[in-house]
Amino acid sequence: MKIDMNLQSKKLELVQLILNTEKPSILSKVEAILKKEKASDWWDEISPEEKKAIEKGLAEADKGELIPHEEVMKEVRAKYHLDK
């Protein structure tokens, strides 16, 4: 909850700064940053190792090399001695 409040507080602070500025160049820069961030794809933000792992998993799924969820959960419960 504290993180959410800090985030909200930061947003309000930035809004106030934007409302108080009279410099079009600053507004243009803020706009460009926000548009760039909105346009970015999560795929471009992850590491090559993460991409490789995802691609490997998709290839395995395409070949039918899947483990049912129930089986995975059974193994996790056994490994970590968890009860249902």
Protein backbone atom coordinates (compact mmCIF):
# COMPACT_ATOMS: atom_id res chain seq x y z
CA MET A 1 0.00 0.00 0.00
CA LYS A 2 2.88 2.38 0.80
CA ILE A 3 4.31 1.92 -2.69
CA ASP A 4 0.94 2.79 -4.23
CA MET A 5 0.75 5.95 -2.11
CA ASN A 6 4.29 6.95 -3.10
CA LEU A 7 3.45 6.37 -6.74
CA GLN A 8 0.26 8.40 -6.49
CA SER A 9 2.11 11.16 -4.66
CA LYS A 10 4.79 11.25 -7.36
CA LYS A 11 2.14 11.42 -10.09
CA LEU A 12 0.41 14.34 -8.39
CA GLU A 13 3.74 16.12 -7.98
CA LEU A 14 4.50 15.68 -11.68
CA VAL A 15 1.05 16.86 -12.70
CA GLN A 16 1.54 19.97 -10.58
CA LEU A 17 4.92 20.65 -12.19
CA ILE A 18 3.42 20.23 -15.65
CA LEU A 19 0.52 22.53 -14.85
CA ASN A 20 2.89 25.20 -13.53
CA THR A 21 5.32 25.21 -16.44
CA GLU A 22 5.10 27.83 -19.16
CA LYS A 23 7.82 26.24 -21.32
CA PRO A 24 6.48 24.46 -24.40
CA SER A 25 9.83 22.69 -24.82
CA ILE A 26 9.41 20.94 -21.47
CA LEU A 27 5.87 19.88 -22.34
CA SER A 28 7.11 18.52 -25.67
CA LYS A 29 9.82 16.51 -23.93
CA VAL A 30 7.38 15.07 -21.38
CA GLU A 31 4.96 14.20 -24.17
CA ALA A 32 7.70 12.48 -26.19
CA ILE A 33 8.82 10.43 -23.18
CA LEU A 34 5.29 9.30 -22.38
CA LYS A 35 4.48 8.43 -25.99
CA LYS A 36 7.70 6.46 -26.35
CA GLU A 37 6.99 4.55 -23.14
CA LYS A 38 3.45 3.77 -24.25
CA ALA A 39 4.67 2.55 -27.63
CA SER A 40 7.33 0.25 -26.22
CA ASP A 41 6.66 -3.47 -26.25
CA TRP A 42 7.46 -5.64 -23.23
CA TRP A 43 9.33 -7.99 -25.55
CA ASP A 44 11.84 -5.23 -26.24
CA GLU A 45 12.38 -4.74 -22.52
CA ILE A 46 13.36 -8.30 -21.55
CA SER A 47 16.81 -9.84 -21.71
CA PRO A 48 18.01 -12.14 -24.50
CA GLU A 49 18.03 -15.02 -22.01
CA GLU A 50 14.37 -14.41 -21.15
CA LYS A 51 13.46 -14.25 -24.84
CA LYS A 52 15.30 -17.52 -25.48
CA ALA A 53 13.49 -19.24 -22.59
CA ILE A 54 10.11 -18.04 -23.83
CA GLU A 55 10.85 -19.15 -27.38
CA LYS A 56 12.00 -22.55 -26.11
CA GLY A 57 8.79 -22.95 -24.11
CA LEU A 58 6.64 -22.02 -27.10
CA ALA A 59 8.50 -24.50 -29.31
CA GLU A 60 8.01 -27.24 -26.73
CA ALA A 61 4.31 -26.40 -26.47
CA ASP A 62 3.98 -26.51 -30.26
CA LYS A 63 5.46 -30.03 -30.19
CA GLY A 64 3.02 -31.08 -27.47
CA GLU A 65 5.76 -31.33 -24.85
CA LEU A 66 3.60 -30.04 -22.03
CA ILE A 67 3.22 -30.97 -18.37
CA PRO A 68 -0.32 -30.64 -17.02
CA HIS A 69 -0.78 -28.03 -14.31
CA GLU A 70 -2.03 -30.63 -11.85
CA GLU A 71 1.17 -32.64 -12.24
CA VAL A 72 3.39 -29.61 -11.73
CA MET A 73 1.46 -28.64 -8.61
CA LYS A 74 1.73 -32.20 -7.28
CA GLU A 75 5.52 -32.08 -7.72
CA VAL A 76 5.76 -28.66 -6.06
CA ARG A 77 3.66 -29.79 -3.10
CA ALA A 78 5.84 -32.88 -2.67
CA LYS A 79 9.12 -30.98 -3.04
CA TYR A 80 8.19 -28.26 -0.54
CA HIS A 81 6.07 -30.46 1.74
CA LEU A 82 2.93 -28.42 1.18
CA ASP A 83 -0.53 -29.66 2.05
CA LYS A 84 -3.54 -28.94 -0.13
